[in-house]
Amino acid sequence: MARADMHADVLGAALTDFLGGHADNPPSIREHDLASTYSRSSDYLKSVAGFQRHETKAKALTAVLNRFPPDTQTLDLGCCAGFTGLALRLNGWQNVDFADFEGLGLGFVRQFCAARGWESAIHTFVANGLMPNWPRYDLVLGFDVIEHTPNQLAFIEWLRRLGKCAAVTWPTVPWQPPLYQQIDTWIDTPAMLEVIERRFNVVEAWLEDSRQFVLFETGA
């Protein structure tokens, strides 16, 4: 079984260079909604970039790489700086698209892809995070996204509408972005797993190092 190369050094160095020309926003950003943090804060991007070196993420991406062929039509949903999808691309996957709030994160994704001549669709969230007429994918990745959503059941339903399969991770201990307000709501992990297991065909699931991973077929 192959092990995912997270390309943490390559991606981390590229993000550092990209953010070198973007001074962080003033502290008043903390007074705004979390969308501002996710889309405008270079400090936030730097903080989440460290997750690229996390063993749990490596294990989750390895599970994806070993269950799906490299031509899988994939969406990195809630991608932030796109490290999950970009790691797939650097591992030889050609058909990876990205979606998140418009801002620094997607700016980095565009620059990284353009520098390598990669073509990827980049979708932007609107208002409540939904956007009509997105294409359907074979696989939707939502790594550490669901805990940032105000309605987690609606997010699961969105995954069903977007893809034939979904792979999600979420922390199972409370975490607060550095310097900023608490994320929207926390997850009742047993309840969430029960919802997923009742509605979908779970292909793989495990809990490791305070993070849950679930890969499931949506049946859609």
C-alpha atoms as a PDB file:
ATOM      1  CA  MET A   1       0.000   0.000   0.000  1.00  0.00           C
ATOM      2  CA  ALA A   2       1.419   3.378  -1.048  1.00  0.00           C
ATOM      3  CA  ARG A   3       1.781   6.125   1.519  1.00  0.00           C
ATOM      4  CA  ALA A   4       0.738   9.658   0.623  1.00  0.00           C
ATOM      5  CA  ASP A   5       3.498  12.184   0.133  1.00  0.00           C
ATOM      6  CA  MET A   6       2.099  15.328   1.746  1.00  0.00           C
ATOM      7  CA  HIS A   7       4.691  17.573   0.036  1.00  0.00           C
ATOM      8  CA  ALA A   8       4.645  19.687   3.188  1.00  0.00           C
ATOM      9  CA  ASP A   9       8.009  21.359   2.522  1.00  0.00           C
ATOM     10  CA  VAL A  10       7.129  22.341  -1.054  1.00  0.00           C
ATOM     11  CA  LEU A  11       3.687  23.651  -0.165  1.00  0.00           C
ATOM     12  CA  GLY A  12       4.831  25.349   3.027  1.00  0.00           C
ATOM     13  CA  ALA A  13       7.667  27.177   1.273  1.00  0.00           C
ATOM     14  CA  ALA A  14       5.376  28.266  -1.558  1.00  0.00           C
ATOM     15  CA  LEU A  15       2.778  29.595   0.909  1.00  0.00           C
ATOM     16  CA  THR A  16       5.455  31.482   2.861  1.00  0.00           C
ATOM     17  CA  ASP A  17       6.649  33.133  -0.348  1.00  0.00           C
ATOM     18  CA  PHE A  18       3.089  33.973  -1.356  1.00  0.00           C
ATOM     19  CA  LEU A  19       2.245  35.506   2.015  1.00  0.00           C
ATOM     20  CA  GLY A  20       5.461  37.511   2.059  1.00  0.00           C
ATOM     21  CA  GLY A  21       3.667  40.212   0.115  1.00  0.00           C
ATOM     22  CA  HIS A  22       0.533  40.123   2.251  1.00  0.00           C
ATOM     23  CA  ALA A  23       0.787  41.767   5.656  1.00  0.00           C
ATOM     24  CA  ASP A  24      -1.834  40.394   8.000  1.00  0.00           C
ATOM     25  CA  ASN A  25      -5.009  42.341   8.476  1.00  0.00           C
ATOM     26  CA  PRO A  26      -5.365  44.547  11.544  1.00  0.00           C
ATOM     27  CA  PRO A  27      -6.637  43.048  14.808  1.00  0.00           C
ATOM     28  CA  SER A  28     -10.120  44.398  14.096  1.00  0.00           C
ATOM     29  CA  ILE A  29     -10.622  41.405  11.818  1.00  0.00           C
ATOM     30  CA  ARG A  30     -11.406  39.463  15.015  1.00  0.00           C
ATOM     31  CA  GLU A  31     -14.593  41.465  15.341  1.00  0.00           C
ATOM     32  CA  HIS A  32     -15.964  40.229  12.047  1.00  0.00           C
ATOM     33  CA  ASP A  33     -17.443  36.884  11.089  1.00  0.00           C
ATOM     34  CA  LEU A  34     -15.277  33.846  10.594  1.00  0.00           C
ATOM     35  CA  ALA A  35     -15.505  34.149   6.828  1.00  0.00           C
ATOM     36  CA  SER A  36     -13.221  37.186   7.127  1.00  0.00           C
ATOM     37  CA  THR A  37     -10.707  35.169   9.100  1.00  0.00           C
ATOM     38  CA  TYR A  38     -10.729  32.334   6.593  1.00  0.00           C
ATOM     39  CA  SER A  39     -10.529  34.582   3.543  1.00  0.00           C
ATOM     40  CA  ARG A  40      -8.301  37.483   4.657  1.00  0.00           C
ATOM     41  CA  SER A  41      -5.976  36.418   7.452  1.00  0.00           C
ATOM     42  CA  SER A  42      -2.455  35.338   6.569  1.00  0.00           C
ATOM     43  CA  ASP A  43      -1.967  34.329  10.219  1.00  0.00           C
ATOM     44  CA  TYR A  44      -4.842  31.891   9.879  1.00  0.00           C
ATOM     45  CA  LEU A  45      -3.393  30.378   6.700  1.00  0.00           C
ATOM     46  CA  LYS A  46      -0.030  29.949   8.403  1.00  0.00           C
ATOM     47  CA  SER A  47      -1.661  28.228  11.372  1.00  0.00           C
ATOM     48  CA  VAL A  48      -3.580  25.669   9.309  1.00  0.00           C
ATOM     49  CA  ALA A  49      -0.600  24.964   7.050  1.00  0.00           C
ATOM     50  CA  GLY A  50       0.970  23.043   9.935  1.00  0.00           C
ATOM     51  CA  PHE A  51      -1.767  20.415   9.622  1.00  0.00           C
ATOM     52  CA  GLN A  52      -0.064  19.301   6.394  1.00  0.00           C
ATOM     53  CA  ARG A  53       2.531  17.581   8.589  1.00  0.00           C
ATOM     54  CA  HIS A  54      -0.075  15.893  10.782  1.00  0.00           C
ATOM     55  CA  GLU A  55       0.094  12.087  10.727  1.00  0.00           C
ATOM     56  CA  THR A  56      -3.687  11.800  10.766  1.00  0.00           C
ATOM     57  CA  LYS A  57      -4.007  13.837   7.603  1.00  0.00           C
ATOM     58  CA  ALA A  58      -1.308  11.745   5.951  1.00  0.00           C
ATOM     59  CA  LYS A  59      -3.201   8.589   6.875  1.00  0.00           C
ATOM     60  CA  ALA A  60      -6.477  10.003   5.550  1.00  0.00           C
ATOM     61  CA  LEU A  61      -4.923  11.073   2.254  1.00  0.00           C
ATOM     62  CA  THR A  62      -3.220   7.684   1.976  1.00  0.00           C
ATOM     63  CA  ALA A  63      -6.619   5.994   2.308  1.00  0.00           C
ATOM     64  CA  VAL A  64      -7.909   8.127  -0.553  1.00  0.00           C
ATOM     65  CA  LEU A  65      -4.889   7.454  -2.763  1.00  0.00           C
ATOM     66  CA  ASN A  66      -5.174   3.711  -2.263  1.00  0.00           C
ATOM     67  CA  ARG A  67      -8.913   3.467  -2.923  1.00  0.00           C
ATOM     68  CA  PHE A  68      -9.283   5.700  -5.968  1.00  0.00           C
ATOM     69  CA  PRO A  69      -7.445   5.927  -9.315  1.00  0.00           C
ATOM     70  CA  PRO A  70      -5.460   9.074 -10.110  1.00  0.00           C
ATOM     71  CA  ASP A  71      -7.962  10.200 -12.776  1.00  0.00           C
ATOM     72  CA  THR A  72     -10.768  10.522 -10.180  1.00  0.00           C
ATOM     73  CA  GLN A  73     -12.763  13.729 -10.587  1.00  0.00           C
ATOM     74  CA  THR A  74     -12.180  15.278  -7.148  1.00  0.00           C
ATOM     75  CA  LEU A  75     -13.270  18.414  -5.299  1.00  0.00           C
ATOM     76  CA  ASP A  76     -11.292  19.796  -2.336  1.00  0.00           C
ATOM     77  CA  LEU A  77     -14.229  21.444  -0.551  1.00  0.00           C
ATOM     78  CA  GLY A  78     -13.449  24.132   2.007  1.00  0.00           C
ATOM     79  CA  CYS A  79      -9.894  23.916   0.778  1.00  0.00           C
ATOM     80  CA  CYS A  80      -8.412  26.973   2.569  1.00  0.00           C
ATOM     81  CA  ALA A  81      -4.926  27.166   0.981  1.00  0.00           C
ATOM     82  CA  GLY A  82      -5.671  23.997  -0.977  1.00  0.00           C
ATOM     83  CA  PHE A  83      -3.003  21.835   0.632  1.00  0.00           C
ATOM     84  CA  THR A  84      -5.069  18.629   0.453  1.00  0.00           C
ATOM     85  CA  GLY A  85      -5.975  18.967  -3.205  1.00  0.00           C
ATOM     86  CA  LEU A  86      -2.542  20.294  -4.142  1.00  0.00           C
ATOM     87  CA  ALA A  87      -0.909  17.318  -2.423  1.00  0.00           C
ATOM     88  CA  LEU A  88      -3.077  15.054  -4.584  1.00  0.00           C
ATOM     89  CA  ARG A  89      -1.979  16.936  -7.677  1.00  0.00           C
ATOM     90  CA  LEU A  90       1.659  16.628  -6.663  1.00  0.00           C
ATOM     91  CA  ASN A  91       1.021  12.896  -6.195  1.00  0.00           C
ATOM     92  CA  GLY A  92      -0.045  12.661  -9.850  1.00  0.00           C
ATOM     93  CA  TRP A  93      -3.802  13.303  -9.691  1.00  0.00           C
ATOM     94  CA  GLN A  94      -4.856  15.409 -12.680  1.00  0.00           C
ATOM     95  CA  ASN A  95      -8.529  16.189 -12.023  1.00  0.00           C
ATOM     96  CA  VAL A  96      -8.712  18.096  -8.747  1.00  0.00           C
ATOM     97  CA  ASP A  97     -10.837  21.230  -8.284  1.00  0.00           C
ATOM     98  CA  PHE A  98     -11.058  23.580  -5.298  1.00  0.00           C
ATOM     99  CA  ALA A  99     -13.738  25.504  -3.412  1.00  0.00           C
ATOM    100  CA  ASP A 100     -13.745  28.013  -0.547  1.00  0.00           C
ATOM    101  CA  PHE A 101     -14.351  31.645   0.335  1.00  0.00           C
ATOM    102  CA  GLU A 102     -12.731  34.064  -2.091  1.00  0.00           C
ATOM    103  CA  GLY A 103      -9.552  35.455  -0.566  1.00  0.00           C
ATOM    104  CA  LEU A 104      -5.920  34.728   0.233  1.00  0.00           C
ATOM    105  CA  GLY A 105      -6.319  30.956   0.277  1.00  0.00           C
ATOM    106  CA  LEU A 106      -7.789  30.688  -3.195  1.00  0.00           C
ATOM    107  CA  GLY A 107      -5.295  33.305  -4.376  1.00  0.00           C
ATOM    108  CA  PHE A 108      -2.517  30.964  -3.316  1.00  0.00           C
ATOM    109  CA  VAL A 109      -4.177  27.983  -5.029  1.00  0.00           C
ATOM    110  CA  ARG A 110      -4.482  29.924  -8.286  1.00  0.00           C
ATOM    111  CA  GLN A 111      -0.854  31.038  -8.167  1.00  0.00           C
ATOM    112  CA  PHE A 112       0.467  27.572  -7.323  1.00  0.00           C
ATOM    113  CA  CYS A 113      -1.515  25.937 -10.133  1.00  0.00           C
ATOM    114  CA  ALA A 114      -0.651  28.628 -12.673  1.00  0.00           C
ATOM    115  CA  ALA A 115       3.067  28.327 -11.922  1.00  0.00           C
ATOM    116  CA  ARG A 116       2.874  24.650 -12.895  1.00  0.00           C
ATOM    117  CA  GLY A 117       0.545  25.027 -15.854  1.00  0.00           C
ATOM    118  CA  TRP A 118      -2.229  23.112 -14.098  1.00  0.00           C
ATOM    119  CA  GLU A 119      -5.860  23.660 -15.010  1.00  0.00           C
ATOM    120  CA  SER A 120      -8.263  23.387 -12.088  1.00  0.00           C
ATOM    121  CA  ALA A 121     -11.711  24.844 -11.555  1.00  0.00           C
ATOM    122  CA  ILE A 122     -11.880  27.067  -8.485  1.00  0.00           C
ATOM    123  CA  HIS A 123     -15.349  27.593  -7.038  1.00  0.00           C
ATOM    124  CA  THR A 124     -16.175  30.354  -4.573  1.00  0.00           C
ATOM    125  CA  PHE A 125     -18.733  30.192  -1.785  1.00  0.00           C
ATOM    126  CA  VAL A 126     -21.533  32.733  -1.682  1.00  0.00           C
ATOM    127  CA  ALA A 127     -23.650  33.917   1.242  1.00  0.00           C
ATOM    128  CA  ASN A 128     -24.533  30.759   3.185  1.00  0.00           C
ATOM    129  CA  GLY A 129     -21.789  28.739   1.526  1.00  0.00           C
ATOM    130  CA  LEU A 130     -23.965  27.205  -1.173  1.00  0.00           C
ATOM    131  CA  MET A 131     -23.648  27.832  -4.865  1.00  0.00           C
ATOM    132  CA  PRO A 132     -25.978  26.403  -7.499  1.00  0.00           C
ATOM    133  CA  ASN A 133     -24.973  24.524 -10.616  1.00  0.00           C
ATOM    134  CA  TRP A 134     -21.670  23.127  -9.411  1.00  0.00           C
ATOM    135  CA  PRO A 135     -20.569  19.994 -11.275  1.00  0.00           C
ATOM    136  CA  ARG A 136     -20.838  16.592  -9.647  1.00  0.00           C
ATOM    137  CA  TYR A 137     -17.664  14.782  -8.671  1.00  0.00           C
ATOM    138  CA  ASP A 138     -16.606  11.199  -8.142  1.00  0.00           C
ATOM    139  CA  LEU A 139     -15.052  12.213  -4.812  1.00  0.00           C
ATOM    140  CA  VAL A 140     -15.481  15.197  -2.499  1.00  0.00           C
ATOM    141  CA  LEU A 141     -12.879  15.843   0.210  1.00  0.00           C
ATOM    142  CA  GLY A 142     -13.850  17.796   3.318  1.00  0.00           C
ATOM    143  CA  PHE A 143     -10.817  17.612   5.596  1.00  0.00           C
ATOM    144  CA  ASP A 144     -11.415  19.543   8.828  1.00  0.00           C
ATOM    145  CA  VAL A 145     -14.277  21.545   7.355  1.00  0.00           C
ATOM    146  CA  ILE A 146     -17.486  20.313   8.937  1.00  0.00           C
ATOM    147  CA  GLU A 147     -16.689  21.744  12.373  1.00  0.00           C
ATOM    148  CA  HIS A 148     -16.619  25.215  10.798  1.00  0.00           C
ATOM    149  CA  THR A 149     -20.209  24.947   9.547  1.00  0.00           C
ATOM    150  CA  PRO A 150     -23.276  26.198  11.440  1.00  0.00           C
ATOM    151  CA  ASN A 151     -25.451  23.333  10.165  1.00  0.00           C
ATOM    152  CA  GLN A 152     -23.508  20.100   9.974  1.00  0.00           C
ATOM    153  CA  LEU A 153     -26.415  18.003   8.708  1.00  0.00           C
ATOM    154  CA  ALA A 154     -26.847  20.447   5.835  1.00  0.00           C
ATOM    155  CA  PHE A 155     -23.141  20.088   5.088  1.00  0.00           C
ATOM    156  CA  ILE A 156     -23.472  16.301   4.902  1.00  0.00           C
ATOM    157  CA  GLU A 157     -26.412  16.749   2.525  1.00  0.00           C
ATOM    158  CA  TRP A 158     -24.294  19.097   0.408  1.00  0.00           C
ATOM    159  CA  LEU A 159     -21.610  16.415   0.168  1.00  0.00           C
ATOM    160  CA  ARG A 160     -24.265  13.982  -1.061  1.00  0.00           C
ATOM    161  CA  ARG A 161     -25.364  16.404  -3.780  1.00  0.00           C
ATOM    162  CA  LEU A 162     -21.813  17.156  -4.896  1.00  0.00           C
ATOM    163  CA  GLY A 163     -20.250  13.718  -5.129  1.00  0.00           C
ATOM    164  CA  LYS A 164     -20.641   9.977  -5.440  1.00  0.00           C
ATOM    165  CA  CYS A 165     -18.197   9.492  -2.552  1.00  0.00           C
ATOM    166  CA  ALA A 166     -17.050  11.753   0.265  1.00  0.00           C
ATOM    167  CA  ALA A 167     -14.051  11.630   2.578  1.00  0.00           C
ATOM    168  CA  VAL A 168     -14.210  13.802   5.680  1.00  0.00           C
ATOM    169  CA  THR A 169     -12.104  14.412   8.754  1.00  0.00           C
ATOM    170  CA  TRP A 170     -12.890  16.452  11.836  1.00  0.00           C
ATOM    171  CA  PRO A 171     -11.228  17.098  15.192  1.00  0.00           C
ATOM    172  CA  THR A 172     -12.870  15.461  18.167  1.00  0.00           C
ATOM    173  CA  VAL A 173     -11.502  17.918  20.735  1.00  0.00           C
ATOM    174  CA  PRO A 174     -12.344  21.648  20.813  1.00  0.00           C
ATOM    175  CA  TRP A 175      -9.943  23.906  18.972  1.00  0.00           C
ATOM    176  CA  GLN A 176      -9.929  27.653  18.472  1.00  0.00           C
ATOM    177  CA  PRO A 177      -8.119  29.393  15.614  1.00  0.00           C
ATOM    178  CA  PRO A 178      -5.229  31.405  17.052  1.00  0.00           C
ATOM    179  CA  LEU A 179      -6.199  34.987  17.885  1.00  0.00           C
ATOM    180  CA  TYR A 180      -9.714  34.591  16.592  1.00  0.00           C
ATOM    181  CA  GLN A 181     -13.162  33.674  17.811  1.00  0.00           C
ATOM    182  CA  GLN A 182     -14.393  30.138  18.418  1.00  0.00           C
ATOM    183  CA  ILE A 183     -15.394  28.212  15.305  1.00  0.00           C
ATOM    184  CA  ASP A 184     -19.109  28.028  14.637  1.00  0.00           C
ATOM    185  CA  THR A 185     -20.226  24.889  16.429  1.00  0.00           C
ATOM    186  CA  TRP A 186     -18.649  21.721  17.761  1.00  0.00           C
ATOM    187  CA  ILE A 187     -19.450  18.221  16.595  1.00  0.00           C
ATOM    188  CA  ASP A 188     -21.219  15.554  18.568  1.00  0.00           C
ATOM    189  CA  THR A 189     -19.079  12.802  17.039  1.00  0.00           C
ATOM    190  CA  PRO A 190     -21.257   9.786  17.984  1.00  0.00           C
ATOM    191  CA  ALA A 191     -24.352  11.524  16.641  1.00  0.00           C
ATOM    192  CA  MET A 192     -22.632  12.545  13.422  1.00  0.00           C
ATOM    193  CA  LEU A 193     -21.333   9.036  12.845  1.00  0.00           C
ATOM    194  CA  GLU A 194     -24.792   7.621  13.446  1.00  0.00           C
ATOM    195  CA  VAL A 195     -26.257   9.978  10.848  1.00  0.00           C
ATOM    196  CA  ILE A 196     -23.628   9.025   8.279  1.00  0.00           C
ATOM    197  CA  GLU A 197     -23.876   5.286   8.987  1.00  0.00           C
ATOM    198  CA  ARG A 198     -27.674   5.289   8.762  1.00  0.00           C
ATOM    199  CA  ARG A 199     -27.837   7.219   5.506  1.00  0.00           C
ATOM    200  CA  PHE A 200     -24.761   6.105   3.591  1.00  0.00           C
ATOM    201  CA  ASN A 201     -22.512   3.160   2.865  1.00  0.00           C
ATOM    202  CA  VAL A 202     -19.417   3.675   5.013  1.00  0.00           C
ATOM    203  CA  VAL A 203     -16.336   2.322   3.231  1.00  0.00           C
ATOM    204  CA  GLU A 204     -13.761   3.154   5.894  1.00  0.00           C
ATOM    205  CA  ALA A 205     -13.792   4.909   9.248  1.00  0.00           C
ATOM    206  CA  TRP A 206     -11.352   5.331  12.107  1.00  0.00           C
ATOM    207  CA  LEU A 207     -10.468   7.567  15.007  1.00  0.00           C
ATOM    208  CA  GLU A 208      -6.845   8.473  15.539  1.00  0.00           C
ATOM    209  CA  ASP A 209      -5.075  11.191  17.509  1.00  0.00           C
ATOM    210  CA  SER A 210      -8.281  13.078  18.323  1.00  0.00           C
ATOM    211  CA  ARG A 211      -9.427  13.205  14.703  1.00  0.00           C
ATOM    212  CA  GLN A 212     -12.170  11.229  12.990  1.00  0.00           C
ATOM    213  CA  PHE A 213     -11.962  10.001   9.391  1.00  0.00           C
ATOM    214  CA  VAL A 214     -14.923   8.669   7.434  1.00  0.00           C
ATOM    215  CA  LEU A 215     -15.066   7.676   3.775  1.00  0.00           C
ATOM    216  CA  PHE A 216     -18.553   6.906   2.510  1.00  0.00           C
ATOM    217  CA  GLU A 217     -20.540   6.379  -0.666  1.00  0.00           C
ATOM    218  CA  THR A 218     -23.405   8.860  -0.957  1.00  0.00           C
ATOM    219  CA  GLY A 219     -25.623   6.704  -3.145  1.00  0.00           C
ATOM    220  CA  ALA A 220     -26.422   9.726  -5.301  1.00  0.00           C
END
